[in-house]
Amino acid sequence: MECLGHKPAPVLHPIGQYHWRMDAASGSAAELETASAVFADVRPRLFGIAYRMLGSVSEAEDIVQETWIRWQTYDRSTVRNAPAFLATTATRLAINAGQSARVRREMYVGPWLPEPVDTSADPELGALHGEALEFAVLLILEKLSPTERAAYVLRQAFDYPYEDIAEIIQQTQTNARQLVSRARKRLAGEKRVAVSVGEQQRLLEAFLTAARTGDLAALEELFAADVVSYSDGGGKVRASKFPVVGRERVAKYYRAFASRFWAGVDTDLFMANGRPSARLARDGVVFAVVTVTASADGIDRLLWTMNPDKLSGVKLVGPPSVDDV
């Protein structure tokens, strides 16, 4: 794919929540409006691809913006299928970004967790299916190569035919099928059979109640034997730099700081990444998001996002719906 350089005289043109750079040399005003409309229509899918590829809202937004810049400076008269061109551009950019992101995450302070997104309005984030959106799946996908992850996301979440996937990731159809197959096997081998959304919400609410009061017996009753608690502070806030493992240790961990941690905290239940989660706020400012994953054995993962850089997409809207869980 051709990578074009910068051209002079950019002006600002709004699309969604962004102000994208428009170039007067890239076409007439009417043609640019058409190009903008085409891009705005496919933008949710571009963001959905990039987010599933990178697990980061800010990085996905950067991919979408770079895709727009390339689209508005490209010779669009040569493009036969604009949505396909844009999806290809975004996916290849995300593959490149994923390679550098892996290096950065090796130096990340403490556990790295995907950035939560509020899916109350759009539970599938522009996809045909909800795959590769849940935290548990995103964490497993981190173990795949960027190209393997792209193939899986395009097939499972967006139902792309293998012919198109092969062209986008620049592989043969046979290789594209193999990449998706390996990714599926990886997920099948590591992902537990999840409980229903309703049961996950019940367990989350019960956990919040027990954690707030420091009820050791109630916490142990909720947890699977091999439960793990992860806290992603990114070195910017106080958070455990190592996972806490095991029913008794995790229960005692939450009891130990119950009286200090929960003082003045409002809890708001919402849907993050398609699953029940909770925003924690003090004085109206969100400082953490917690979600749980659970199987028939109970809660097996507690995922705390506390890095302030990862909380911009989950701001509280209006008064908390649950003041004392």
C-alpha atoms as a PDB file:
ATOM      1  CA  MET A   1       0.000   0.000   0.000  1.00  0.00           C
ATOM      2  CA  GLU A   2       1.279   3.414  -0.921  1.00  0.00           C
ATOM      3  CA  CYS A   3       2.316   5.648   1.958  1.00  0.00           C
ATOM      4  CA  LEU A   4       1.909   9.275   0.981  1.00  0.00           C
ATOM      5  CA  GLY A   5       3.796  12.235   2.369  1.00  0.00           C
ATOM      6  CA  HIS A   6       2.399  15.476   3.730  1.00  0.00           C
ATOM      7  CA  LYS A   7       0.887  18.142   1.520  1.00  0.00           C
ATOM      8  CA  PRO A   8       0.510  21.880   2.216  1.00  0.00           C
ATOM      9  CA  ALA A   9      -2.419  23.956   3.436  1.00  0.00           C
ATOM     10  CA  PRO A  10      -4.264  21.638   5.829  1.00  0.00           C
ATOM     11  CA  VAL A  11      -7.550  22.840   7.278  1.00  0.00           C
ATOM     12  CA  LEU A  12      -9.649  21.354  10.060  1.00  0.00           C
ATOM     13  CA  HIS A  13     -12.694  19.250   9.307  1.00  0.00           C
ATOM     14  CA  PRO A  14     -14.795  17.612  12.046  1.00  0.00           C
ATOM     15  CA  ILE A  15     -15.724  13.938  11.998  1.00  0.00           C
ATOM     16  CA  GLY A  16     -17.287  12.521  15.149  1.00  0.00           C
ATOM     17  CA  GLN A  17     -15.329  13.632  18.189  1.00  0.00           C
ATOM     18  CA  TYR A  18     -12.206  14.532  16.212  1.00  0.00           C
ATOM     19  CA  HIS A  19     -10.996  17.406  14.071  1.00  0.00           C
ATOM     20  CA  TRP A  20      -9.318  15.679  11.181  1.00  0.00           C
ATOM     21  CA  ARG A  21      -6.799  17.391   8.909  1.00  0.00           C
ATOM     22  CA  MET A  22      -8.253  18.217   5.506  1.00  0.00           C
ATOM     23  CA  ASP A  23      -6.063  19.103   2.558  1.00  0.00           C
ATOM     24  CA  ALA A  24      -7.330  21.564  -0.030  1.00  0.00           C
ATOM     25  CA  ALA A  25      -5.106  19.927  -2.641  1.00  0.00           C
ATOM     26  CA  SER A  26      -6.717  16.494  -2.202  1.00  0.00           C
ATOM     27  CA  GLY A  27      -9.977  17.331  -3.961  1.00  0.00           C
ATOM     28  CA  SER A  28     -12.882  19.720  -4.343  1.00  0.00           C
ATOM     29  CA  ALA A  29     -15.010  20.678  -1.364  1.00  0.00           C
ATOM     30  CA  ALA A  30     -17.860  18.461  -2.571  1.00  0.00           C
ATOM     31  CA  GLU A  31     -15.539  15.514  -3.155  1.00  0.00           C
ATOM     32  CA  LEU A  32     -14.005  15.967   0.282  1.00  0.00           C
ATOM     33  CA  GLU A  33     -17.449  15.974   1.859  1.00  0.00           C
ATOM     34  CA  THR A  34     -18.195  12.689   0.120  1.00  0.00           C
ATOM     35  CA  ALA A  35     -14.894  11.247   1.313  1.00  0.00           C
ATOM     36  CA  SER A  36     -15.699  12.416   4.841  1.00  0.00           C
ATOM     37  CA  ALA A  37     -19.121  10.774   4.752  1.00  0.00           C
ATOM     38  CA  VAL A  38     -17.640   7.490   3.537  1.00  0.00           C
ATOM     39  CA  PHE A  39     -15.041   7.567   6.297  1.00  0.00           C
ATOM     40  CA  ALA A  40     -17.540   8.481   9.021  1.00  0.00           C
ATOM     41  CA  ASP A  41     -19.726   5.535   8.008  1.00  0.00           C
ATOM     42  CA  VAL A  42     -16.907   2.995   8.355  1.00  0.00           C
ATOM     43  CA  ARG A  43     -15.169   4.631  11.316  1.00  0.00           C
ATOM     44  CA  PRO A  44     -16.808   2.450  14.040  1.00  0.00           C
ATOM     45  CA  ARG A  45     -15.465  -0.653  12.302  1.00  0.00           C
ATOM     46  CA  LEU A  46     -11.980   0.837  12.003  1.00  0.00           C
ATOM     47  CA  PHE A  47     -11.929   1.661  15.699  1.00  0.00           C
ATOM     48  CA  GLY A  48     -13.291  -1.794  16.549  1.00  0.00           C
ATOM     49  CA  ILE A  49     -10.515  -3.493  14.577  1.00  0.00           C
ATOM     50  CA  ALA A  50      -7.762  -1.315  16.012  1.00  0.00           C
ATOM     51  CA  TYR A  51      -8.999  -1.594  19.605  1.00  0.00           C
ATOM     52  CA  ARG A  52      -9.180  -5.387  19.453  1.00  0.00           C
ATOM     53  CA  MET A  53      -5.719  -5.422  17.929  1.00  0.00           C
ATOM     54  CA  LEU A  54      -4.112  -3.150  20.527  1.00  0.00           C
ATOM     55  CA  GLY A  55      -6.285  -3.219  23.659  1.00  0.00           C
ATOM     56  CA  SER A  56      -5.877   0.544  23.943  1.00  0.00           C
ATOM     57  CA  VAL A  57      -8.437   3.250  23.243  1.00  0.00           C
ATOM     58  CA  SER A  58      -5.834   5.969  22.687  1.00  0.00           C
ATOM     59  CA  GLU A  59      -3.745   3.806  20.354  1.00  0.00           C
ATOM     60  CA  ALA A  60      -6.857   2.744  18.434  1.00  0.00           C
ATOM     61  CA  GLU A  61      -7.860   6.391  18.027  1.00  0.00           C
ATOM     62  CA  ASP A  62      -4.380   7.144  16.696  1.00  0.00           C
ATOM     63  CA  ILE A  63      -4.801   4.365  14.116  1.00  0.00           C
ATOM     64  CA  VAL A  64      -8.180   5.747  13.039  1.00  0.00           C
ATOM     65  CA  GLN A  65      -6.766   9.250  12.711  1.00  0.00           C
ATOM     66  CA  GLU A  66      -3.772   8.060  10.668  1.00  0.00           C
ATOM     67  CA  THR A  67      -6.155   6.087   8.434  1.00  0.00           C
ATOM     68  CA  TRP A  68      -8.146   9.265   7.843  1.00  0.00           C
ATOM     69  CA  ILE A  69      -5.022  11.247   6.981  1.00  0.00           C
ATOM     70  CA  ARG A  70      -4.042   8.654   4.418  1.00  0.00           C
ATOM     71  CA  TRP A  71      -7.573   8.496   3.031  1.00  0.00           C
ATOM     72  CA  GLN A  72      -7.925  12.245   2.569  1.00  0.00           C
ATOM     73  CA  THR A  73      -4.533  12.552   0.846  1.00  0.00           C
ATOM     74  CA  TYR A  74      -4.897   9.416  -1.295  1.00  0.00           C
ATOM     75  CA  ASP A  75      -5.933   9.370  -4.944  1.00  0.00           C
ATOM     76  CA  ARG A  76      -9.422   8.104  -4.126  1.00  0.00           C
ATOM     77  CA  SER A  77     -10.356   7.841  -7.822  1.00  0.00           C
ATOM     78  CA  THR A  78      -8.229   4.672  -7.904  1.00  0.00           C
ATOM     79  CA  VAL A  79     -10.114   3.030  -5.013  1.00  0.00           C
ATOM     80  CA  ARG A  80     -12.884   0.642  -6.062  1.00  0.00           C
ATOM     81  CA  ASN A  81     -14.026  -0.384  -2.579  1.00  0.00           C
ATOM     82  CA  ALA A  82     -13.582   2.373  -0.015  1.00  0.00           C
ATOM     83  CA  PRO A  83     -14.570   0.368   3.124  1.00  0.00           C
ATOM     84  CA  ALA A  84     -12.170  -2.419   2.147  1.00  0.00           C
ATOM     85  CA  PHE A  85      -9.379   0.087   1.480  1.00  0.00           C
ATOM     86  CA  LEU A  86      -9.925   1.779   4.841  1.00  0.00           C
ATOM     87  CA  ALA A  87     -10.121  -1.509   6.776  1.00  0.00           C
ATOM     88  CA  THR A  88      -6.932  -2.712   5.089  1.00  0.00           C
ATOM     89  CA  THR A  89      -5.145   0.521   5.944  1.00  0.00           C
ATOM     90  CA  ALA A  90      -6.258   0.446   9.590  1.00  0.00           C
ATOM     91  CA  THR A  91      -5.387  -3.233  10.038  1.00  0.00           C
ATOM     92  CA  ARG A  92      -1.903  -2.888   8.595  1.00  0.00           C
ATOM     93  CA  LEU A  93      -1.261   0.185  10.718  1.00  0.00           C
ATOM     94  CA  ALA A  94      -2.459  -1.735  13.779  1.00  0.00           C
ATOM     95  CA  ILE A  95      -0.153  -4.664  12.973  1.00  0.00           C
ATOM     96  CA  ASN A  96       2.809  -2.274  12.867  1.00  0.00           C
ATOM     97  CA  ALA A  97       1.668  -0.558  16.064  1.00  0.00           C
ATOM     98  CA  GLY A  98       1.217  -3.930  17.748  1.00  0.00           C
ATOM     99  CA  GLN A  99       4.834  -4.828  17.139  1.00  0.00           C
ATOM    100  CA  SER A 100       6.116  -1.702  18.896  1.00  0.00           C
ATOM    101  CA  ALA A 101       3.463  -1.995  21.624  1.00  0.00           C
ATOM    102  CA  ARG A 102       4.832  -5.408  22.569  1.00  0.00           C
ATOM    103  CA  VAL A 103       8.231  -3.874  23.277  1.00  0.00           C
ATOM    104  CA  ARG A 104       6.704  -1.114  25.399  1.00  0.00           C
ATOM    105  CA  ARG A 105       4.640  -3.570  27.430  1.00  0.00           C
ATOM    106  CA  GLU A 106       7.716  -5.589  28.298  1.00  0.00           C
ATOM    107  CA  MET A 107       8.896  -2.496  30.200  1.00  0.00           C
ATOM    108  CA  TYR A 108       5.477  -1.725  31.709  1.00  0.00           C
ATOM    109  CA  VAL A 109       5.458  -1.306  35.482  1.00  0.00           C
ATOM    110  CA  GLY A 110       3.340  -4.082  36.993  1.00  0.00           C
ATOM    111  CA  PRO A 111       0.625  -6.100  35.214  1.00  0.00           C
ATOM    112  CA  TRP A 112      -0.644  -4.689  31.928  1.00  0.00           C
ATOM    113  CA  LEU A 113      -4.407  -4.815  31.344  1.00  0.00           C
ATOM    114  CA  PRO A 114      -6.428  -3.709  28.306  1.00  0.00           C
ATOM    115  CA  GLU A 115      -7.927  -0.244  28.497  1.00  0.00           C
ATOM    116  CA  PRO A 116     -11.631  -0.534  29.422  1.00  0.00           C
ATOM    117  CA  VAL A 117     -14.260   0.869  27.076  1.00  0.00           C
ATOM    118  CA  ASP A 118     -17.837   1.694  28.009  1.00  0.00           C
ATOM    119  CA  THR A 119     -19.952  -0.560  25.801  1.00  0.00           C
ATOM    120  CA  SER A 120     -23.326   0.467  27.191  1.00  0.00           C
ATOM    121  CA  ALA A 121     -24.252   2.226  23.933  1.00  0.00           C
ATOM    122  CA  ASP A 122     -22.342  -0.046  21.517  1.00  0.00           C
ATOM    123  CA  PRO A 123     -21.896  -3.518  23.051  1.00  0.00           C
ATOM    124  CA  GLU A 124     -19.937  -4.845  20.058  1.00  0.00           C
ATOM    125  CA  LEU A 125     -17.912  -1.736  19.103  1.00  0.00           C
ATOM    126  CA  GLY A 126     -18.720  -1.737  15.427  1.00  0.00           C
ATOM    127  CA  ALA A 127     -18.301  -5.488  14.923  1.00  0.00           C
ATOM    128  CA  LEU A 128     -20.690  -8.103  13.576  1.00  0.00           C
ATOM    129  CA  HIS A 129     -19.990 -10.226  16.654  1.00  0.00           C
ATOM    130  CA  GLY A 130     -18.743  -9.505  20.150  1.00  0.00           C
ATOM    131  CA  GLU A 131     -15.643 -11.706  19.967  1.00  0.00           C
ATOM    132  CA  ALA A 132     -12.235 -10.406  21.073  1.00  0.00           C
ATOM    133  CA  LEU A 133     -13.805  -7.664  23.154  1.00  0.00           C
ATOM    134  CA  GLU A 134     -13.964  -9.211  26.625  1.00  0.00           C
ATOM    135  CA  PHE A 135     -10.977  -8.653  28.904  1.00  0.00           C
ATOM    136  CA  ALA A 136     -10.323 -12.387  29.211  1.00  0.00           C
ATOM    137  CA  VAL A 137     -10.061 -12.787  25.435  1.00  0.00           C
ATOM    138  CA  LEU A 138      -7.987  -9.626  24.940  1.00  0.00           C
ATOM    139  CA  LEU A 139      -5.472 -10.864  27.506  1.00  0.00           C
ATOM    140  CA  ILE A 140      -5.074 -14.176  25.701  1.00  0.00           C
ATOM    141  CA  LEU A 141      -4.769 -12.391  22.357  1.00  0.00           C
ATOM    142  CA  GLU A 142      -1.778 -10.497  23.790  1.00  0.00           C
ATOM    143  CA  LYS A 143       0.135 -13.760  23.485  1.00  0.00           C
ATOM    144  CA  LEU A 144      -0.402 -13.935  19.721  1.00  0.00           C
ATOM    145  CA  SER A 145       1.711 -12.264  17.068  1.00  0.00           C
ATOM    146  CA  PRO A 146       0.173  -9.059  15.645  1.00  0.00           C
ATOM    147  CA  THR A 147      -0.510 -10.773  12.305  1.00  0.00           C
ATOM    148  CA  GLU A 148      -2.113 -13.787  13.975  1.00  0.00           C
ATOM    149  CA  ARG A 149      -4.206 -11.486  16.107  1.00  0.00           C
ATOM    150  CA  ALA A 150      -5.309  -9.499  13.064  1.00  0.00           C
ATOM    151  CA  ALA A 151      -6.428 -12.644  11.250  1.00  0.00           C
ATOM    152  CA  TYR A 152      -8.429 -13.793  14.261  1.00  0.00           C
ATOM    153  CA  VAL A 153     -10.071 -10.408  14.842  1.00  0.00           C
ATOM    154  CA  LEU A 154     -11.065  -9.967  11.195  1.00  0.00           C
ATOM    155  CA  ARG A 155     -12.563 -13.447  11.032  1.00  0.00           C
ATOM    156  CA  GLN A 156     -14.198 -13.844  14.435  1.00  0.00           C
ATOM    157  CA  ALA A 157     -15.382 -10.323  15.153  1.00  0.00           C
ATOM    158  CA  PHE A 158     -16.049  -9.013  11.649  1.00  0.00           C
ATOM    159  CA  ASP A 159     -16.693 -12.187   9.645  1.00  0.00           C
ATOM    160  CA  TYR A 160     -14.268 -11.323   6.844  1.00  0.00           C
ATOM    161  CA  PRO A 161     -13.845 -14.061   4.217  1.00  0.00           C
ATOM    162  CA  TYR A 162     -10.417 -15.703   4.178  1.00  0.00           C
ATOM    163  CA  GLU A 163      -9.737 -14.311   0.723  1.00  0.00           C
ATOM    164  CA  ASP A 164     -10.028 -10.766   2.073  1.00  0.00           C
ATOM    165  CA  ILE A 165      -8.088 -11.560   5.264  1.00  0.00           C
ATOM    166  CA  ALA A 166      -5.241 -12.967   3.191  1.00  0.00           C
ATOM    167  CA  GLU A 167      -5.047  -9.798   1.115  1.00  0.00           C
ATOM    168  CA  ILE A 168      -5.201  -7.515   4.150  1.00  0.00           C
ATOM    169  CA  ILE A 169      -2.451  -9.301   6.112  1.00  0.00           C
ATOM    170  CA  GLN A 170      -0.486 -10.089   2.951  1.00  0.00           C
ATOM    171  CA  GLN A 171      -0.529 -13.852   3.389  1.00  0.00           C
ATOM    172  CA  THR A 172      -1.885 -16.760   1.370  1.00  0.00           C
ATOM    173  CA  GLN A 173      -5.413 -17.969   2.085  1.00  0.00           C
ATOM    174  CA  THR A 174      -3.954 -21.186   3.483  1.00  0.00           C
ATOM    175  CA  ASN A 175      -1.764 -19.234   5.890  1.00  0.00           C
ATOM    176  CA  ALA A 176      -4.690 -17.007   6.881  1.00  0.00           C
ATOM    177  CA  ARG A 177      -6.762 -20.080   7.763  1.00  0.00           C
ATOM    178  CA  GLN A 178      -3.886 -21.521   9.759  1.00  0.00           C
ATOM    179  CA  LEU A 179      -3.426 -18.294  11.697  1.00  0.00           C
ATOM    180  CA  VAL A 180      -7.105 -18.167  12.647  1.00  0.00           C
ATOM    181  CA  SER A 181      -7.108 -21.867  13.531  1.00  0.00           C
ATOM    182  CA  ARG A 182      -4.080 -21.500  15.826  1.00  0.00           C
ATOM    183  CA  ALA A 183      -5.637 -18.488  17.533  1.00  0.00           C
ATOM    184  CA  ARG A 184      -8.891 -20.372  18.118  1.00  0.00           C
ATOM    185  CA  LYS A 185      -7.016 -23.309  19.629  1.00  0.00           C
ATOM    186  CA  ARG A 186      -5.051 -20.954  21.876  1.00  0.00           C
ATOM    187  CA  LEU A 187      -8.234 -19.397  23.176  1.00  0.00           C
ATOM    188  CA  ALA A 188      -9.984 -22.736  23.586  1.00  0.00           C
ATOM    189  CA  GLY A 189      -7.054 -24.008  25.631  1.00  0.00           C
ATOM    190  CA  GLU A 190      -6.874 -21.018  27.979  1.00  0.00           C
ATOM    191  CA  LYS A 191     -10.339 -19.475  28.204  1.00  0.00           C
ATOM    192  CA  ARG A 192     -12.684 -20.991  30.763  1.00  0.00           C
ATOM    193  CA  VAL A 193     -16.382 -21.480  30.195  1.00  0.00           C
ATOM    194  CA  ALA A 194     -17.796 -18.195  31.433  1.00  0.00           C
ATOM    195  CA  VAL A 195     -20.928 -17.742  33.487  1.00  0.00           C
ATOM    196  CA  SER A 196     -23.857 -15.737  32.137  1.00  0.00           C
ATOM    197  CA  VAL A 197     -23.819 -11.949  32.166  1.00  0.00           C
ATOM    198  CA  GLY A 198     -26.447 -11.961  34.908  1.00  0.00           C
ATOM    199  CA  GLU A 199     -24.404 -14.303  37.079  1.00  0.00           C
ATOM    200  CA  GLN A 200     -21.251 -12.279  36.516  1.00  0.00           C
ATOM    201  CA  GLN A 201     -23.071  -9.148  37.675  1.00  0.00           C
ATOM    202  CA  ARG A 202     -24.325 -10.975  40.771  1.00  0.00           C
ATOM    203  CA  LEU A 203     -20.804 -12.119  41.616  1.00  0.00           C
ATOM    204  CA  LEU A 204     -19.388  -8.652  40.984  1.00  0.00           C
ATOM    205  CA  GLU A 205     -21.932  -7.028  43.284  1.00  0.00           C
ATOM    206  CA  ALA A 206     -21.312  -9.663  45.962  1.00  0.00           C
ATOM    207  CA  PHE A 207     -17.567  -9.098  45.679  1.00  0.00           C
ATOM    208  CA  LEU A 208     -17.921  -5.329  46.036  1.00  0.00           C
ATOM    209  CA  THR A 209     -20.040  -5.767  49.151  1.00  0.00           C
ATOM    210  CA  ALA A 210     -17.612  -8.237  50.724  1.00  0.00           C
ATOM    211  CA  ALA A 211     -14.539  -6.214  49.752  1.00  0.00           C
ATOM    212  CA  ARG A 212     -15.989  -2.984  51.136  1.00  0.00           C
ATOM    213  CA  THR A 213     -16.683  -4.610  54.498  1.00  0.00           C
ATOM    214  CA  GLY A 214     -13.595  -6.807  54.552  1.00  0.00           C
ATOM    215  CA  ASP A 215     -15.707  -9.941  55.044  1.00  0.00           C
ATOM    216  CA  LEU A 216     -13.070 -12.675  54.751  1.00  0.00           C
ATOM    217  CA  ALA A 217     -15.469 -15.627  54.760  1.00  0.00           C
ATOM    218  CA  ALA A 218     -17.699 -14.049  52.104  1.00  0.00           C
ATOM    219  CA  LEU A 219     -14.703 -13.292  49.883  1.00  0.00           C
ATOM    220  CA  GLU A 220     -13.385 -16.833  50.123  1.00  0.00           C
ATOM    221  CA  GLU A 221     -16.834 -18.186  49.289  1.00  0.00           C
ATOM    222  CA  LEU A 222     -16.916 -16.135  46.074  1.00  0.00           C
ATOM    223  CA  PHE A 223     -13.465 -17.081  44.805  1.00  0.00           C
ATOM    224  CA  ALA A 224     -12.292 -20.073  42.807  1.00  0.00           C
ATOM    225  CA  ALA A 225      -9.340 -21.883  44.378  1.00  0.00           C
ATOM    226  CA  ASP A 226      -6.877 -20.461  41.826  1.00  0.00           C
ATOM    227  CA  VAL A 227      -8.277 -16.926  41.693  1.00  0.00           C
ATOM    228  CA  VAL A 228      -5.826 -14.209  40.614  1.00  0.00           C
ATOM    229  CA  SER A 229      -6.086 -10.465  41.310  1.00  0.00           C
ATOM    230  CA  TYR A 230      -4.379  -8.107  38.837  1.00  0.00           C
ATOM    231  CA  SER A 231      -3.879  -4.383  39.420  1.00  0.00           C
ATOM    232  CA  ASP A 232      -2.770  -2.161  36.541  1.00  0.00           C
ATOM    233  CA  GLY A 233      -1.396   1.085  37.938  1.00  0.00           C
ATOM    234  CA  GLY A 234       1.292   1.557  35.294  1.00  0.00           C
ATOM    235  CA  GLY A 235       3.647   2.923  37.952  1.00  0.00           C
ATOM    236  CA  LYS A 236       1.514   6.085  38.166  1.00  0.00           C
ATOM    237  CA  VAL A 237      -0.614   5.203  41.196  1.00  0.00           C
ATOM    238  CA  ARG A 238      -0.200   2.850  44.121  1.00  0.00           C
ATOM    239  CA  ALA A 239      -1.105  -0.658  42.995  1.00  0.00           C
ATOM    240  CA  SER A 240       0.276  -4.131  43.480  1.00  0.00           C
ATOM    241  CA  LYS A 241       3.110  -4.718  41.017  1.00  0.00           C
ATOM    242  CA  PHE A 242       2.580  -8.465  41.113  1.00  0.00           C
ATOM    243  CA  PRO A 243      -0.546 -10.599  40.748  1.00  0.00           C
ATOM    244  CA  VAL A 244      -1.995 -11.965  43.980  1.00  0.00           C
ATOM    245  CA  VAL A 245      -2.805 -15.667  43.620  1.00  0.00           C
ATOM    246  CA  GLY A 246      -4.966 -18.158  45.513  1.00  0.00           C
ATOM    247  CA  ARG A 247      -8.283 -18.015  47.351  1.00  0.00           C
ATOM    248  CA  GLU A 248      -6.942 -17.397  50.875  1.00  0.00           C
ATOM    249  CA  ARG A 249      -4.227 -14.935  49.855  1.00  0.00           C
ATOM    250  CA  VAL A 250      -6.543 -12.889  47.648  1.00  0.00           C
ATOM    251  CA  ALA A 251      -9.262 -12.787  50.323  1.00  0.00           C
ATOM    252  CA  LYS A 252      -6.774 -11.642  52.976  1.00  0.00           C
ATOM    253  CA  TYR A 253      -5.355  -9.092  50.531  1.00  0.00           C
ATOM    254  CA  TYR A 254      -8.731  -7.397  50.129  1.00  0.00           C
ATOM    255  CA  ARG A 255      -9.528  -7.588  53.829  1.00  0.00           C
ATOM    256  CA  ALA A 256      -6.200  -5.934  54.705  1.00  0.00           C
ATOM    257  CA  PHE A 257      -6.958  -2.616  53.008  1.00  0.00           C
ATOM    258  CA  ALA A 258     -10.765  -2.563  53.185  1.00  0.00           C
ATOM    259  CA  SER A 259     -11.054   0.176  55.805  1.00  0.00           C
ATOM    260  CA  ARG A 260      -8.603   2.519  54.052  1.00  0.00           C
ATOM    261  CA  PHE A 261      -9.353   1.896  50.391  1.00  0.00           C
ATOM    262  CA  TRP A 262     -13.146   2.205  50.403  1.00  0.00           C
ATOM    263  CA  ALA A 263     -13.508   5.401  52.452  1.00  0.00           C
ATOM    264  CA  GLY A 264     -15.483   7.970  50.419  1.00  0.00           C
ATOM    265  CA  VAL A 265     -15.743   5.698  47.369  1.00  0.00           C
ATOM    266  CA  ASP A 266     -18.845   5.736  45.150  1.00  0.00           C
ATOM    267  CA  THR A 267     -19.449   2.662  43.005  1.00  0.00           C
ATOM    268  CA  ASP A 268     -21.208   2.770  39.662  1.00  0.00           C
ATOM    269  CA  LEU A 269     -22.103  -0.426  37.794  1.00  0.00           C
ATOM    270  CA  PHE A 270     -21.852  -0.311  34.005  1.00  0.00           C
ATOM    271  CA  MET A 271     -20.917  -2.433  30.985  1.00  0.00           C
ATOM    272  CA  ALA A 272     -17.240  -2.405  30.036  1.00  0.00           C
ATOM    273  CA  ASN A 273     -16.065  -4.498  27.107  1.00  0.00           C
ATOM    274  CA  GLY A 274     -19.451  -6.160  26.974  1.00  0.00           C
ATOM    275  CA  ARG A 275     -19.367  -7.453  30.555  1.00  0.00           C
ATOM    276  CA  PRO A 276     -20.587  -6.105  33.922  1.00  0.00           C
ATOM    277  CA  SER A 277     -17.969  -3.898  35.577  1.00  0.00           C
ATOM    278  CA  ALA A 278     -17.780  -1.184  38.209  1.00  0.00           C
ATOM    279  CA  ARG A 279     -16.367   2.334  38.179  1.00  0.00           C
ATOM    280  CA  LEU A 280     -14.952   3.559  41.472  1.00  0.00           C
ATOM    281  CA  ALA A 281     -14.898   7.302  42.100  1.00  0.00           C
ATOM    282  CA  ARG A 282     -13.991   9.785  44.806  1.00  0.00           C
ATOM    283  CA  ASP A 283     -15.521  13.248  44.618  1.00  0.00           C
ATOM    284  CA  GLY A 284     -16.913  12.394  41.187  1.00  0.00           C
ATOM    285  CA  VAL A 285     -13.526  11.443  39.705  1.00  0.00           C
ATOM    286  CA  VAL A 286     -13.107   7.865  38.477  1.00  0.00           C
ATOM    287  CA  PHE A 287      -9.888   6.355  39.808  1.00  0.00           C
ATOM    288  CA  ALA A 288     -10.438   2.663  39.054  1.00  0.00           C
ATOM    289  CA  VAL A 289     -12.466   0.188  37.027  1.00  0.00           C
ATOM    290  CA  VAL A 290     -12.872  -3.375  38.245  1.00  0.00           C
ATOM    291  CA  THR A 291     -14.274  -6.331  36.394  1.00  0.00           C
ATOM    292  CA  VAL A 292     -14.332 -10.008  37.224  1.00  0.00           C
ATOM    293  CA  THR A 293     -14.266 -13.149  35.151  1.00  0.00           C
ATOM    294  CA  ALA A 294     -15.964 -16.206  36.555  1.00  0.00           C
ATOM    295  CA  SER A 295     -16.651 -19.845  35.842  1.00  0.00           C
ATOM    296  CA  ALA A 296     -18.773 -22.432  37.616  1.00  0.00           C
ATOM    297  CA  ASP A 297     -16.069 -22.524  40.327  1.00  0.00           C
ATOM    298  CA  GLY A 298     -16.543 -18.840  41.171  1.00  0.00           C
ATOM    299  CA  ILE A 299     -14.579 -15.673  40.467  1.00  0.00           C
ATOM    300  CA  ASP A 300     -11.258 -16.648  38.898  1.00  0.00           C
ATOM    301  CA  ARG A 301      -9.920 -13.240  37.816  1.00  0.00           C
ATOM    302  CA  LEU A 302     -10.198  -9.785  39.356  1.00  0.00           C
ATOM    303  CA  LEU A 303      -8.994  -7.104  36.958  1.00  0.00           C
ATOM    304  CA  TRP A 304      -8.318  -3.618  38.322  1.00  0.00           C
ATOM    305  CA  THR A 305      -7.523  -0.811  35.886  1.00  0.00           C
ATOM    306  CA  MET A 306      -6.083   2.069  37.924  1.00  0.00           C
ATOM    307  CA  ASN A 307      -3.637   3.721  35.529  1.00  0.00           C
ATOM    308  CA  PRO A 308      -5.233   7.174  35.066  1.00  0.00           C
ATOM    309  CA  ASP A 309      -4.166   7.196  31.407  1.00  0.00           C
ATOM    310  CA  LYS A 310      -6.547   4.293  30.797  1.00  0.00           C
ATOM    311  CA  LEU A 311      -9.660   5.754  32.389  1.00  0.00           C
ATOM    312  CA  SER A 312     -10.565   8.564  29.998  1.00  0.00           C
ATOM    313  CA  GLY A 313     -13.209   6.468  28.235  1.00  0.00           C
ATOM    314  CA  VAL A 314     -15.122   5.477  31.361  1.00  0.00           C
ATOM    315  CA  LYS A 315     -15.987   8.784  32.991  1.00  0.00           C
ATOM    316  CA  LEU A 316     -19.003   8.928  35.266  1.00  0.00           C
ATOM    317  CA  VAL A 317     -22.115  10.372  33.654  1.00  0.00           C
ATOM    318  CA  GLY A 318     -24.550  11.749  36.197  1.00  0.00           C
ATOM    319  CA  PRO A 319     -24.791  10.628  39.823  1.00  0.00           C
ATOM    320  CA  PRO A 320     -23.605   7.136  40.801  1.00  0.00           C
ATOM    321  CA  SER A 321     -26.276   4.485  40.407  1.00  0.00           C
ATOM    322  CA  VAL A 322     -24.917   2.409  43.273  1.00  0.00           C
ATOM    323  CA  ASP A 323     -23.712   4.382  46.257  1.00  0.00           C
ATOM    324  CA  ASP A 324     -23.088   1.596  48.691  1.00  0.00           C
ATOM    325  CA  VAL A 325     -22.619  -1.791  47.153  1.00  0.00           C
END
